[in-house]
Amino acid sequence: MNILLIGSGGREHALAWKLAQSPLCDTLFAAPGNPGIAEHATLVALDVRDHAATVAFCTTNAIELIVIGPEAPLVDGLGDSLRSAGFAVFGPDKAAAQLEGSKAFTKALCDQAQIPTARYAHVTSLDAGLGALARFGVPVVVKADGLAAGKGVTVATTHDEAEAALRDLFTDAGGEAVIEEFLEGEEASLFVLTDGKAILPFGSAQDHKRVGEGDTGPNTGGMGAYSPARVLTPELERRALDEIVRPTVAAMAAAGTPFSGVLYAGLMLTADGPKLIEYNARFGDPECQVLMARLESDLVPILLAVAGGTLADHGAAQWRDAVALTVVLAANGYPGTPEAGGAIDGISDAEATGAIVFQAGTRATDSGIVAAGGRVLAVTGLGDTIGTARDAAYRGVDAIAFPTGFCRRDIGWREIARAGD
């Protein structure tokens, strides 16, 4: 079959890498893709904001499955347009994508379905935000109510810092924010596939949002990740599925907006059990990289079962008995203004060490691959333990020459300390 993958980041490179391995895949197209994705797919210059043009492309090229990687097209309703035209789509409709597109929507759903989460206030003006802030202690969390690519969050340690974050969010008219109590515990990510009725647990991971080692500095889209996250024990995962994910799927279906795709539950493992931090309506980046590296099952039949509403008939996914760890190489200046155009050499040398190099913000030039974004590469290693996976990933990192880039050298540090590796 012919498959269209939408997106251009490291997540999409990992998906392309896995989709192209399927014997069911005849031609894989990617829009717009990147130089790494081009090794597995035919790149097409398709503006996916033009839904009619996307439908026309799928019709002309006999596309039988569309995989929407990033969140923006989902929130824009691309899935609705493609489904209306009769195509099988992996990714939720616009109404269901509100689980990521609006933090206030998700918080209201948590209230309705009694899903454990942080106490919060949804505010639509600066005055309301300043008033609500008085009801919270510190630390306190201030979030933009919308898509923020993992960076629209401030964990304020003083009320002055929280007020500054609110003033920044309400600089422009029409802003909205969610103020949340700070939850104590360790974060973990749980991925679950659903067709709106059945659910299929699809792995766990722990990422590293802060730009600096020791989890310091501003939030980023993610500087690295590993899978599985053993801190999310089988008992905690069962509780998260029963107390958070299943009630969410049921509430969305009852509201007439069933969620079909991957639910990425960001969890805080508190003394009272797992609590929902937020949902994403797509695979994480860089979490997708470690999940795809570990997945043994053919990805295509699983995504088709989700898109076709037959997930209940599909068995459990099969995973390698291994740990995967990925290290993000970012351009200097990230998460602010990244330095563009920096030369990248040694990708093939890194792959010769056994690492898998997923490209994200890259561009092909006559002289080679250069940086064209904030997060540029995700170098992924596999091992029997978290320590050997870390060593495999950093061997790959050290084989790459990227003078205008940087990475964290402590990815997986919590689990490595627990494991004694």
Protein backbone atom coordinates (compact mmCIF):
# COMPACT_ATOMS: atom_id res chain seq x y z
CA MET A 1 0.00 0.00 0.00
CA ASN A 2 0.97 3.64 -0.41
CA ILE A 3 1.35 5.64 2.81
CA LEU A 4 1.61 9.39 3.38
CA LEU A 5 3.51 10.60 6.45
CA ILE A 6 3.03 14.23 7.42
CA GLY A 7 5.79 16.08 9.27
CA SER A 8 9.47 16.97 9.14
CA GLY A 9 11.02 16.35 12.56
CA GLY A 10 12.88 13.65 14.42
CA ARG A 11 9.59 12.03 15.40
CA GLU A 12 8.63 11.72 11.74
CA HIS A 13 12.07 10.36 10.79
CA ALA A 14 11.59 7.62 13.41
CA LEU A 15 8.11 6.86 12.06
CA ALA A 16 9.39 6.82 8.46
CA TRP A 17 12.23 4.49 9.47
CA LYS A 18 9.75 2.06 11.02
CA LEU A 19 6.98 2.36 8.41
CA ALA A 20 9.42 1.71 5.57
CA GLN A 21 10.40 -1.62 7.19
CA SER A 22 6.85 -2.97 6.77
CA PRO A 23 6.27 -5.50 3.97
CA LEU A 24 2.86 -3.85 3.57
CA CYS A 25 4.44 -0.55 2.54
CA ASP A 26 4.88 -0.10 -1.21
CA THR A 27 5.62 3.62 -1.50
CA LEU A 28 6.06 5.90 1.50
CA PHE A 29 5.56 9.60 0.81
CA ALA A 30 6.49 12.31 3.30
CA ALA A 31 5.35 15.94 3.36
CA PRO A 32 7.55 17.87 3.72
CA GLY A 33 10.06 15.46 5.29
CA ASN A 34 13.75 16.14 5.82
CA PRO A 35 17.05 14.77 4.46
CA GLY A 36 16.96 11.82 6.86
CA ILE A 37 13.37 10.96 5.98
CA ALA A 38 14.36 11.10 2.30
CA GLU A 39 16.37 7.91 2.86
CA HIS A 40 13.09 6.05 3.44
CA ALA A 41 10.42 8.05 1.64
CA THR A 42 9.65 10.11 -1.43
CA LEU A 43 9.49 13.74 -0.30
CA VAL A 44 6.64 15.86 -1.65
CA ALA A 45 6.20 19.63 -1.55
CA LEU A 46 2.69 19.61 -0.13
CA ASP A 47 1.23 22.40 1.99
CA VAL A 48 -0.84 20.37 4.44
CA ARG A 49 -2.62 23.56 5.55
CA ASP A 50 -4.33 23.31 2.16
CA HIS A 51 -6.71 20.47 2.93
CA ALA A 52 -8.13 20.28 -0.58
CA ALA A 53 -4.66 19.93 -2.09
CA THR A 54 -3.79 17.22 0.44
CA VAL A 55 -6.96 15.29 -0.39
CA ALA A 56 -6.18 15.63 -4.10
CA PHE A 57 -2.64 14.32 -3.59
CA CYS A 58 -3.92 11.30 -1.66
CA THR A 59 -6.49 10.57 -4.36
CA THR A 60 -3.98 10.87 -7.22
CA ASN A 61 -1.40 8.68 -5.47
CA ALA A 62 -3.82 6.02 -4.19
CA ILE A 63 -2.87 6.62 -0.57
CA GLU A 64 -4.35 4.00 1.78
CA LEU A 65 -3.04 5.32 5.11
CA ILE A 66 -2.14 8.83 6.26
CA VAL A 67 -0.03 9.19 9.40
CA ILE A 68 -0.13 12.70 10.86
CA GLY A 69 2.98 13.26 12.96
CA PRO A 70 2.84 16.78 14.48
CA GLU A 71 0.11 18.40 16.53
CA ALA A 72 -0.59 21.52 14.45
CA PRO A 73 -2.29 19.72 11.50
CA LEU A 74 -4.38 17.70 13.96
CA VAL A 75 -5.62 20.81 15.76
CA ASP A 76 -6.20 22.38 12.33
CA GLY A 77 -8.63 19.57 11.44
CA LEU A 78 -6.65 17.88 8.67
CA GLY A 79 -7.78 14.49 9.94
CA ASP A 80 -11.43 15.54 9.58
CA SER A 81 -10.93 16.60 5.96
CA LEU A 82 -9.13 13.41 5.00
CA ARG A 83 -11.62 11.13 6.74
CA SER A 84 -14.50 12.95 5.08
CA ALA A 85 -12.85 12.12 1.74
CA GLY A 86 -12.77 8.43 2.67
CA PHE A 87 -9.15 8.00 3.72
CA ALA A 88 -7.79 6.00 6.66
CA VAL A 89 -6.06 8.42 9.02
CA PHE A 90 -3.91 7.82 12.07
CA GLY A 91 -4.49 10.85 14.29
CA PRO A 92 -7.51 12.41 15.98
CA ASP A 93 -10.12 14.74 14.56
CA LYS A 94 -10.02 18.43 15.43
CA ALA A 95 -12.50 18.15 18.29
CA ALA A 96 -10.59 15.31 19.94
CA ALA A 97 -7.23 17.02 19.37
CA GLN A 98 -8.38 19.66 21.86
CA LEU A 99 -6.90 17.33 24.47
CA GLU A 100 -3.59 18.82 23.38
CA GLY A 101 -4.76 22.04 21.77
CA SER A 102 -6.41 23.39 24.93
CA LYS A 103 -5.13 22.72 28.43
CA ALA A 104 -8.34 24.23 29.81
CA PHE A 105 -10.39 21.70 27.80
CA THR A 106 -8.40 18.83 29.27
CA LYS A 107 -8.67 20.19 32.80
CA ALA A 108 -12.46 20.49 32.43
CA LEU A 109 -12.60 16.90 31.19
CA CYS A 110 -10.58 15.81 34.23
CA ASP A 111 -13.12 17.52 36.47
CA GLN A 112 -15.99 15.82 34.68
CA ALA A 113 -14.46 12.34 34.65
CA GLN A 114 -12.82 12.63 38.10
CA ILE A 115 -9.35 12.09 36.65
CA PRO A 116 -6.54 12.84 39.12
CA THR A 117 -4.67 15.99 38.14
CA ALA A 118 -3.28 19.17 39.68
CA ARG A 119 -5.63 21.78 41.17
CA TYR A 120 -5.93 24.61 38.65
CA ALA A 121 -7.49 27.87 37.54
CA HIS A 122 -8.30 28.76 33.93
CA VAL A 123 -7.98 32.50 33.33
CA THR A 124 -8.69 34.66 30.29
CA SER A 125 -7.27 38.00 31.44
CA LEU A 126 -4.25 39.30 33.31
CA ASP A 127 -6.37 40.64 36.17
CA ALA A 128 -8.11 37.30 36.57
CA GLY A 129 -4.74 35.54 36.49
CA LEU A 130 -3.24 37.78 39.15
CA GLY A 131 -6.31 37.26 41.30
CA ALA A 132 -6.22 33.48 40.91
CA LEU A 133 -2.50 33.37 41.64
CA ALA A 134 -3.20 34.45 45.21
CA ARG A 135 -4.93 31.09 45.77
CA PHE A 136 -1.77 29.13 45.03
CA GLY A 137 1.44 28.68 46.95
CA VAL A 138 4.87 28.39 45.37
CA PRO A 139 6.27 26.73 43.38
CA VAL A 140 3.37 27.26 40.99
CA VAL A 141 3.00 26.34 37.32
CA VAL A 142 1.85 28.83 34.67
CA LYS A 143 0.93 27.46 31.24
CA ALA A 144 -0.20 29.03 28.01
CA ASP A 145 -3.56 27.53 27.01
CA GLY A 146 -2.60 26.37 23.54
CA LEU A 147 0.09 24.70 21.47
CA ALA A 148 3.50 25.70 22.75
CA ALA A 149 5.83 22.95 21.46
CA GLY A 150 6.72 22.00 25.03
CA LYS A 151 8.00 25.49 25.90
CA GLY A 152 4.93 27.48 27.04
CA VAL A 153 5.35 26.45 30.67
CA THR A 154 6.88 28.32 33.60
CA VAL A 155 7.54 26.63 36.94
CA ALA A 156 7.72 29.73 39.11
CA THR A 157 9.46 29.53 42.47
CA THR A 158 8.21 32.96 43.58
CA HIS A 159 4.97 34.90 43.09
CA ASP A 160 6.96 37.63 41.32
CA GLU A 161 8.19 35.08 38.77
CA ALA A 162 4.65 33.76 38.31
CA GLU A 163 3.29 37.28 37.82
CA ALA A 164 5.97 37.95 35.21
CA ALA A 165 5.01 34.77 33.36
CA LEU A 166 1.36 35.82 33.36
CA ARG A 167 2.18 39.31 32.12
CA ASP A 168 4.21 37.77 29.32
CA LEU A 169 1.35 35.46 28.32
CA PHE A 170 -1.15 38.32 28.26
CA THR A 171 1.05 40.74 26.32
CA ASP A 172 -1.25 40.22 23.32
CA ALA A 173 -5.02 40.41 23.48
CA GLY A 174 -6.95 37.16 23.50
CA GLY A 175 -4.50 35.15 25.56
CA GLU A 176 -5.56 32.42 27.98
CA ALA A 177 -3.65 30.63 30.69
CA VAL A 178 -3.91 27.79 33.16
CA ILE A 179 -2.40 28.17 36.63
CA GLU A 180 -1.69 24.87 38.40
CA GLU A 181 -0.48 23.70 41.75
CA PHE A 182 3.03 22.27 41.63
CA LEU A 183 3.00 18.48 41.89
CA GLU A 184 5.81 16.72 43.74
CA GLY A 185 7.19 13.54 42.21
CA GLU A 186 8.92 12.16 39.15
CA GLU A 187 7.56 12.57 35.64
CA ALA A 188 7.00 9.74 33.18
CA SER A 189 5.23 9.40 29.85
CA LEU A 190 2.73 6.67 28.99
CA PHE A 191 1.67 6.05 25.39
CA VAL A 192 -1.63 4.39 24.56
CA LEU A 193 -3.16 3.75 21.15
CA THR A 194 -6.94 3.91 20.88
CA ASP A 195 -9.55 3.78 18.14
CA GLY A 196 -12.03 5.57 20.39
CA LYS A 197 -13.17 2.36 22.06
CA ALA A 198 -10.38 -0.17 22.65
CA ILE A 199 -6.98 0.78 24.04
CA LEU A 200 -3.53 -0.68 23.44
CA PRO A 201 -0.72 0.31 25.84
CA PHE A 202 2.21 1.32 23.68
CA GLY A 203 5.23 1.83 25.88
CA SER A 204 6.61 4.28 28.40
CA ALA A 205 9.43 6.78 28.35
CA GLN A 206 11.03 9.52 30.38
CA ASP A 207 12.24 12.65 28.65
CA HIS A 208 14.39 15.59 29.71
CA LYS A 209 12.72 18.94 29.06
CA ARG A 210 15.25 21.31 30.60
CA VAL A 211 18.05 22.51 28.36
CA GLY A 212 20.82 22.08 30.92
CA GLU A 213 22.38 19.13 32.70
CA GLY A 214 20.85 18.25 36.02
CA ASP A 215 17.50 19.46 34.62
CA THR A 216 18.39 23.14 34.80
CA GLY A 217 17.55 26.08 32.56
CA PRO A 218 14.49 26.76 30.43
CA ASN A 219 12.10 24.17 29.06
CA THR A 220 12.68 22.82 25.58
CA GLY A 221 10.83 20.43 23.30
CA GLY A 222 13.01 17.69 24.79
CA MET A 223 16.78 17.14 24.99
CA GLY A 224 16.70 13.36 25.21
CA ALA A 225 14.67 10.38 26.40
CA TYR A 226 14.86 6.72 27.27
CA SER A 227 12.42 3.80 27.20
CA PRO A 228 11.08 1.94 29.05
CA ALA A 229 10.61 4.18 32.09
CA ARG A 230 10.89 1.60 34.83
CA VAL A 231 9.86 4.18 37.42
CA LEU A 232 6.38 3.67 35.94
CA THR A 233 6.02 0.23 37.51
CA PRO A 234 3.41 -2.28 36.26
CA GLU A 235 1.19 -1.32 39.21
CA LEU A 236 1.50 2.41 38.52
CA GLU A 237 0.87 1.82 34.81
CA ARG A 238 -2.27 -0.16 35.65
CA ARG A 239 -3.49 2.69 37.83
CA ALA A 240 -2.74 5.25 35.12
CA LEU A 241 -4.68 3.20 32.58
CA ASP A 242 -7.64 2.64 34.90
CA GLU A 243 -7.80 6.05 36.58
CA ILE A 244 -6.66 8.35 33.76
CA VAL A 245 -6.62 6.87 30.24
CA ARG A 246 -9.76 4.72 30.21
CA PRO A 247 -11.95 7.45 31.76
CA THR A 248 -10.58 9.88 29.16
CA VAL A 249 -11.41 7.59 26.23
CA ALA A 250 -14.87 6.94 27.66
CA ALA A 251 -15.58 10.64 28.28
CA MET A 252 -14.49 11.63 24.79
CA ALA A 253 -16.69 8.93 23.24
CA ALA A 254 -19.67 9.92 25.41
CA ALA A 255 -19.27 13.53 24.26
CA GLY A 256 -19.51 12.46 20.62
CA THR A 257 -15.86 13.29 19.96
CA PRO A 258 -14.11 9.89 20.15
CA PHE A 259 -10.33 10.05 20.22
CA SER A 260 -8.55 7.95 17.59
CA GLY A 261 -4.77 7.90 17.52
CA VAL A 262 -2.10 7.95 20.20
CA LEU A 263 -2.78 9.41 23.62
CA TYR A 264 0.49 10.58 25.15
CA ALA A 265 -0.16 10.98 28.86
CA GLY A 266 2.38 13.08 30.72
CA LEU A 267 2.22 11.79 34.28
CA MET A 268 3.51 12.93 37.66
CA LEU A 269 4.13 9.99 39.95
CA THR A 270 3.10 11.48 43.28
CA ALA A 271 2.86 9.95 46.74
CA ASP A 272 -0.88 9.57 46.04
CA GLY A 273 -0.32 7.77 42.73
CA PRO A 274 -0.11 8.93 39.12
CA LYS A 275 -1.67 12.27 38.23
CA LEU A 276 -2.15 13.70 34.76
CA ILE A 277 0.06 16.67 33.91
CA GLU A 278 -1.21 17.02 30.35
CA TYR A 279 -2.08 15.10 27.21
CA ASN A 280 -0.47 15.22 23.81
CA ALA A 281 -2.47 13.99 20.83
CA ARG A 282 0.53 12.56 18.95
CA PHE A 283 3.78 10.75 19.63
CA GLY A 284 6.34 12.68 21.60
CA ASP A 285 9.60 13.96 20.19
CA PRO A 286 12.13 12.57 21.18
CA GLU A 287 10.05 9.82 22.86
CA CYS A 288 8.95 8.45 19.49
CA GLN A 289 12.57 7.77 18.61
CA VAL A 290 13.12 5.42 21.55
CA LEU A 291 9.73 3.75 21.12
CA MET A 292 10.33 2.98 17.44
CA ALA A 293 13.83 1.70 18.21
CA ARG A 294 12.34 -0.80 20.68
CA LEU A 295 9.23 -1.82 18.70
CA GLU A 296 9.51 -5.28 17.13
CA SER A 297 5.97 -5.43 15.71
CA ASP A 298 5.14 -4.22 12.22
CA LEU A 299 3.85 -0.70 12.78
CA VAL A 300 1.56 -0.52 9.74
CA PRO A 301 -1.09 -3.10 10.79
CA ILE A 302 -1.30 -1.47 14.22
CA LEU A 303 -1.91 2.00 12.79
CA LEU A 304 -4.43 0.58 10.31
CA ALA A 305 -6.33 -1.08 13.17
CA VAL A 306 -6.49 2.26 14.99
CA ALA A 307 -7.59 4.12 11.87
CA GLY A 308 -10.14 1.46 10.95
CA GLY A 309 -11.70 1.06 14.40
CA THR A 310 -10.62 -2.58 14.76
CA LEU A 311 -8.02 -2.23 17.51
CA ALA A 312 -9.91 -4.68 19.75
CA ASP A 313 -9.04 -7.40 17.22
CA HIS A 314 -5.32 -6.60 17.32
CA GLY A 315 -3.04 -8.29 19.81
CA ALA A 316 -0.47 -6.65 22.04
CA ALA A 317 2.53 -4.99 20.47
CA GLN A 318 5.84 -6.83 20.69
CA TRP A 319 8.89 -5.01 22.08
CA ARG A 320 12.61 -5.69 22.19
CA ASP A 321 13.86 -6.73 25.59
CA ALA A 322 16.20 -3.77 25.55
CA VAL A 323 16.53 -0.19 26.69
CA ALA A 324 16.66 2.60 24.11
CA LEU A 325 18.14 6.02 24.88
CA THR A 326 18.29 9.03 22.59
CA VAL A 327 20.40 12.18 22.89
CA VAL A 328 19.32 15.36 21.11
CA LEU A 329 21.95 17.49 19.42
CA ALA A 330 20.63 21.06 19.30
CA ALA A 331 21.91 24.18 17.59
CA ASN A 332 23.62 26.79 19.77
CA GLY A 333 21.08 29.30 21.03
CA TYR A 334 18.26 26.78 21.46
CA PRO A 335 15.63 27.06 22.96
CA GLY A 336 15.97 30.74 22.08
CA THR A 337 17.11 31.69 18.58
CA PRO A 338 19.07 28.73 17.22
CA GLU A 339 22.14 29.24 15.06
CA ALA A 340 21.26 28.10 11.53
CA GLY A 341 23.51 26.74 8.83
CA GLY A 342 26.07 24.91 10.95
CA ALA A 343 27.78 22.06 9.12
CA ILE A 344 27.12 18.50 10.31
CA ASP A 345 29.57 15.70 9.52
CA GLY A 346 29.93 12.13 10.68
CA ILE A 347 26.34 10.86 10.59
CA SER A 348 27.48 7.72 8.76
CA ASP A 349 30.34 7.35 11.27
CA ALA A 350 27.82 7.50 14.11
CA GLU A 351 25.65 4.87 12.44
CA ALA A 352 28.75 2.67 12.00
CA THR A 353 28.98 2.52 15.82
CA GLY A 354 25.51 0.92 15.88
CA ALA A 355 23.61 4.08 16.80
CA ILE A 356 20.51 5.17 14.91
CA VAL A 357 20.63 8.82 13.86
CA PHE A 358 17.26 10.45 13.39
CA GLN A 359 17.36 13.84 11.69
CA ALA A 360 15.11 16.69 12.83
CA GLY A 361 16.08 20.27 11.99
CA THR A 362 18.35 19.58 9.04
CA ARG A 363 18.68 20.77 5.45
CA ALA A 364 20.59 19.31 2.52
CA THR A 365 23.01 21.62 0.67
CA ASP A 366 25.56 21.07 -2.07
CA SER A 367 28.23 20.84 0.60
CA GLY A 368 26.32 18.48 2.88
CA ILE A 369 23.84 18.46 5.75
CA VAL A 370 23.46 21.64 7.80
CA ALA A 371 21.43 22.69 10.80
CA ALA A 372 18.05 24.25 10.02
CA GLY A 373 16.25 24.24 13.35
CA GLY A 374 16.58 24.13 17.11
CA ARG A 375 16.74 20.41 17.69
CA VAL A 376 18.86 19.01 14.88
CA LEU A 377 19.62 15.31 15.47
CA ALA A 378 18.48 12.56 17.85
CA VAL A 379 21.19 9.94 18.29
CA THR A 380 19.71 6.70 19.61
CA GLY A 381 21.39 3.70 21.19
CA LEU A 382 20.12 0.32 22.35
CA GLY A 383 21.46 -1.81 25.19
CA ASP A 384 20.63 -4.52 27.67
CA THR A 385 20.67 -1.92 30.45
CA ILE A 386 20.18 1.83 30.72
CA GLY A 387 23.94 2.19 31.11
CA THR A 388 24.81 0.27 27.96
CA ALA A 389 22.11 2.11 26.00
CA ARG A 390 23.56 5.42 27.23
CA ASP A 391 27.07 4.37 26.19
CA ALA A 392 25.82 3.32 22.74
CA ALA A 393 24.06 6.64 22.21
CA TYR A 394 27.02 8.76 23.30
CA ARG A 395 29.41 6.74 21.12
CA GLY A 396 27.24 7.84 18.24
CA VAL A 397 27.16 11.44 19.48
CA ASP A 398 30.94 11.53 19.78
CA ALA A 399 31.34 10.36 16.17
CA ILE A 400 29.45 13.41 14.88
CA ALA A 401 31.13 16.74 14.15
CA PHE A 402 28.68 19.59 14.78
CA PRO A 403 30.75 22.56 16.02
CA THR A 404 27.76 24.90 16.31
CA GLY A 405 25.69 22.44 18.33
CA PHE A 406 25.50 21.03 21.84
CA CYS A 407 23.87 18.26 23.84
CA ARG A 408 23.27 17.21 27.41
CA ARG A 409 25.69 14.57 28.66
CA ASP A 410 23.41 13.23 31.41
CA ILE A 411 20.40 11.77 29.59
CA GLY A 412 18.85 9.02 31.69
CA TRP A 413 20.62 10.17 34.84
CA ARG A 414 17.83 9.32 37.30
CA GLU A 415 17.38 5.78 36.01
CA ILE A 416 21.16 5.30 35.71
CA ALA A 417 21.54 6.28 39.38
CA ARG A 418 18.75 3.85 40.37
CA ALA A 419 20.27 1.04 38.30
CA GLY A 420 23.82 1.74 39.45
CA ASP A 421 25.08 1.76 35.85
